[in-house]
C-alpha cells in the first residue's frame, strides 16, 4: 500500500515550490517565444534581400562613385578638389558626387575647407592611409 501511495498519491507542494515552478515555466515559455520570434525575423530579412535585388546594384554604384571621388581627390593631392571639378573629371553627376563626399567626410577620409572658390576637399591622414592600403595612388 505504501508503494501505491508513493506512485499515485498526491503530494502537496509548498507555496515556494509552486512559485518556483510557475517562474520556471514562464521563463521556458518566454525563451521559446523569443527564439521563435528571432527565427521569424531572420526569415523575413532573408526574404526581403531576395525580393529587392535592386538595392545590391545601388550599393555597387554608390561604392563605385565613392571610390572614383576618393581617387580624384587623391590625385589632386595638396591642391584640393572642388566638387564640381570632381564631378566633371569622374563623370559622376553632381548629386552623387555630393553624397559620396558627404559619406567620405563623415568617415573622416576627407575634410572640407571653405575657400574663396567654394568648399575644397582634401585627404585626411586616414584617407591617405586607406588610399595607400588600396594602392590607389603611389604619389600620396
Protein backbone atom coordinates (compact mmCIF):
# COMPACT_ATOMS: atom_id res chain seq x y z
CA UNK A 1 0.00 0.00 0.00
CA UNK A 2 2.89 2.39 0.71
CA UNK A 3 4.31 1.89 -2.77
CA UNK A 4 0.95 2.67 -4.39
CA UNK A 5 0.59 5.84 -2.34
CA UNK A 6 4.06 6.90 -3.40
CA UNK A 7 3.33 6.31 -7.07
CA UNK A 8 -0.22 7.58 -7.27
CA UNK A 9 -0.67 9.61 -4.13
CA UNK A 10 -0.90 13.35 -4.29
CA UNK A 11 1.86 15.16 -2.58
CA UNK A 12 1.05 18.69 -1.57
CA UNK A 13 3.60 21.29 -2.66
CA UNK A 14 4.58 24.26 -0.60
CA UNK A 15 3.95 27.79 -1.80
CA UNK A 16 7.64 28.31 -2.51
CA UNK A 17 7.78 25.20 -4.70
CA UNK A 18 4.68 26.33 -6.62
CA UNK A 19 6.12 29.82 -7.17
CA UNK A 20 9.42 28.35 -8.34
CA UNK A 21 7.65 26.00 -10.78
CA UNK A 22 5.48 28.80 -12.18
CA UNK A 23 8.55 31.01 -12.61
CA UNK A 24 10.46 28.19 -14.34
CA UNK A 25 7.57 27.51 -16.75
CA UNK A 26 7.17 31.22 -17.51
CA UNK A 27 10.89 31.53 -18.24
CA UNK A 28 10.81 28.49 -20.55
CA UNK A 29 7.79 29.92 -22.36
CA UNK A 30 9.44 33.34 -22.73
CA UNK A 31 12.67 31.80 -24.07
CA UNK A 32 10.77 29.64 -26.55
CA UNK A 33 8.71 32.58 -27.83
CA UNK A 34 11.77 34.85 -28.20
CA UNK A 35 13.65 32.15 -30.13
CA UNK A 36 10.66 31.69 -32.44
CA UNK A 37 10.42 35.47 -32.94
CA UNK A 38 14.14 35.72 -33.76
CA UNK A 39 13.82 32.91 -36.29
CA UNK A 40 10.87 34.62 -37.97
CA UNK A 41 12.78 37.94 -38.13
CA UNK A 42 15.74 36.18 -39.77
CA UNK A 43 13.40 34.59 -42.29
CA UNK A 44 11.83 37.99 -43.06
CA UNK A 45 15.26 39.59 -43.53
CA UNK A 46 16.41 36.94 -46.00
CA UNK A 47 13.08 37.19 -47.83
CA UNK A 48 13.50 40.98 -48.14
CA UNK A 49 17.00 40.53 -49.54
CA UNK A 50 15.68 38.14 -52.16
CA UNK A 51 12.77 40.38 -53.11
CA UNK A 52 14.84 43.59 -53.50
CA UNK A 53 17.90 42.80 -55.62
CA UNK A 54 17.91 46.41 -56.89
CA UNK A 55 19.47 47.52 -53.58
CA UNK A 56 22.55 45.44 -54.34
CA UNK A 57 23.00 47.26 -57.66
CA UNK A 58 22.53 50.65 -55.99
CA UNK A 59 25.16 49.79 -53.39
CA UNK A 60 27.59 48.74 -56.11
CA UNK A 61 27.04 52.01 -57.96
CA UNK A 62 27.48 54.04 -54.76
CA UNK A 63 30.69 52.18 -53.94
CA UNK A 64 31.99 52.82 -57.45
CA UNK A 65 31.14 56.54 -57.14
CA UNK A 66 32.77 56.83 -53.71
CA UNK A 67 35.88 55.10 -54.98
CA UNK A 68 36.07 57.38 -58.07
CA UNK A 69 35.62 60.52 -55.94
CA UNK A 70 38.26 59.39 -53.45
CA UNK A 71 40.68 58.60 -56.26
CA UNK A 72 40.16 62.03 -57.83
CA UNK A 73 40.80 63.79 -54.51
CA UNK A 74 43.91 61.65 -54.03
CA UNK A 75 45.18 62.64 -57.48
CA UNK A 76 44.69 66.36 -56.73
CA UNK A 77 46.80 65.99 -53.60
CA UNK A 78 47.64 69.21 -51.75
CA UNK A 79 45.74 71.40 -54.25
CA UNK A 80 42.39 70.13 -53.03
CA UNK A 81 39.41 69.45 -55.24
CA UNK A 82 36.15 71.29 -55.82
CA UNK A 83 33.01 69.13 -56.02
CA UNK A 84 32.15 70.40 -59.49
CA UNK A 85 35.62 69.57 -60.85
CA UNK A 86 35.40 66.11 -59.27
CA UNK A 87 32.05 65.61 -60.96
CA UNK A 88 33.42 66.74 -64.33
CA UNK A 89 36.55 64.56 -64.15
CA UNK A 90 34.86 61.39 -62.88
CA UNK A 91 31.69 61.62 -64.95
CA UNK A 92 29.58 61.12 -61.80
CA UNK A 93 26.63 63.51 -61.58
CA UNK A 94 26.82 66.32 -59.03
CA UNK A 95 24.24 64.90 -56.65
CA UNK A 96 26.01 61.53 -56.43
CA UNK A 97 29.33 63.33 -56.03
CA UNK A 98 27.87 65.35 -53.16
CA UNK A 99 26.56 62.21 -51.44
CA UNK A 100 29.92 60.46 -51.91
CA UNK A 101 31.73 63.48 -50.45
CA UNK A 102 29.31 63.57 -47.51
CA UNK A 103 29.99 59.89 -46.83
CA UNK A 104 33.77 60.34 -47.08
CA UNK A 105 33.59 63.42 -44.86
CA UNK A 106 31.51 61.54 -42.27
CA UNK A 107 34.02 58.66 -42.27
CA UNK A 108 36.89 61.19 -41.91
CA UNK A 109 38.63 60.19 -45.15
CA UNK A 110 38.36 63.76 -46.50
CA UNK A 111 37.91 67.16 -44.95
CA UNK A 112 36.10 70.15 -46.38
CA UNK A 113 37.80 73.54 -46.24
CA UNK A 114 35.93 76.69 -47.19
CA UNK A 115 37.86 78.82 -49.69
CA UNK A 116 37.11 81.77 -51.94
CA UNK A 117 36.01 79.47 -54.76
CA UNK A 118 33.88 77.25 -52.54
CA UNK A 119 34.49 74.15 -50.48
CA UNK A 120 37.64 72.25 -51.37
CA UNK A 121 38.13 68.68 -50.25
CA UNK A 122 41.46 67.32 -49.05
CA UNK A 123 42.50 63.85 -47.94
CA UNK A 124 42.97 63.35 -44.23
CA UNK A 125 45.59 61.05 -42.72
CA UNK A 126 43.01 58.26 -42.60
CA UNK A 127 42.15 58.87 -46.26
CA UNK A 128 45.83 58.73 -47.27
CA UNK A 129 46.32 55.54 -45.29
CA UNK A 130 43.28 53.97 -46.96
CA UNK A 131 44.42 55.00 -50.43
CA UNK A 132 47.89 53.61 -49.81
CA UNK A 133 46.47 50.33 -48.49
CA UNK A 134 44.28 50.03 -51.58
CA UNK A 135 47.16 51.19 -53.84
CA UNK A 136 45.07 53.97 -55.42
CA UNK A 137 47.91 56.39 -55.96
CA UNK A 138 51.62 55.83 -55.34
CA UNK A 139 52.36 59.59 -55.21
CA UNK A 140 50.36 60.17 -51.99
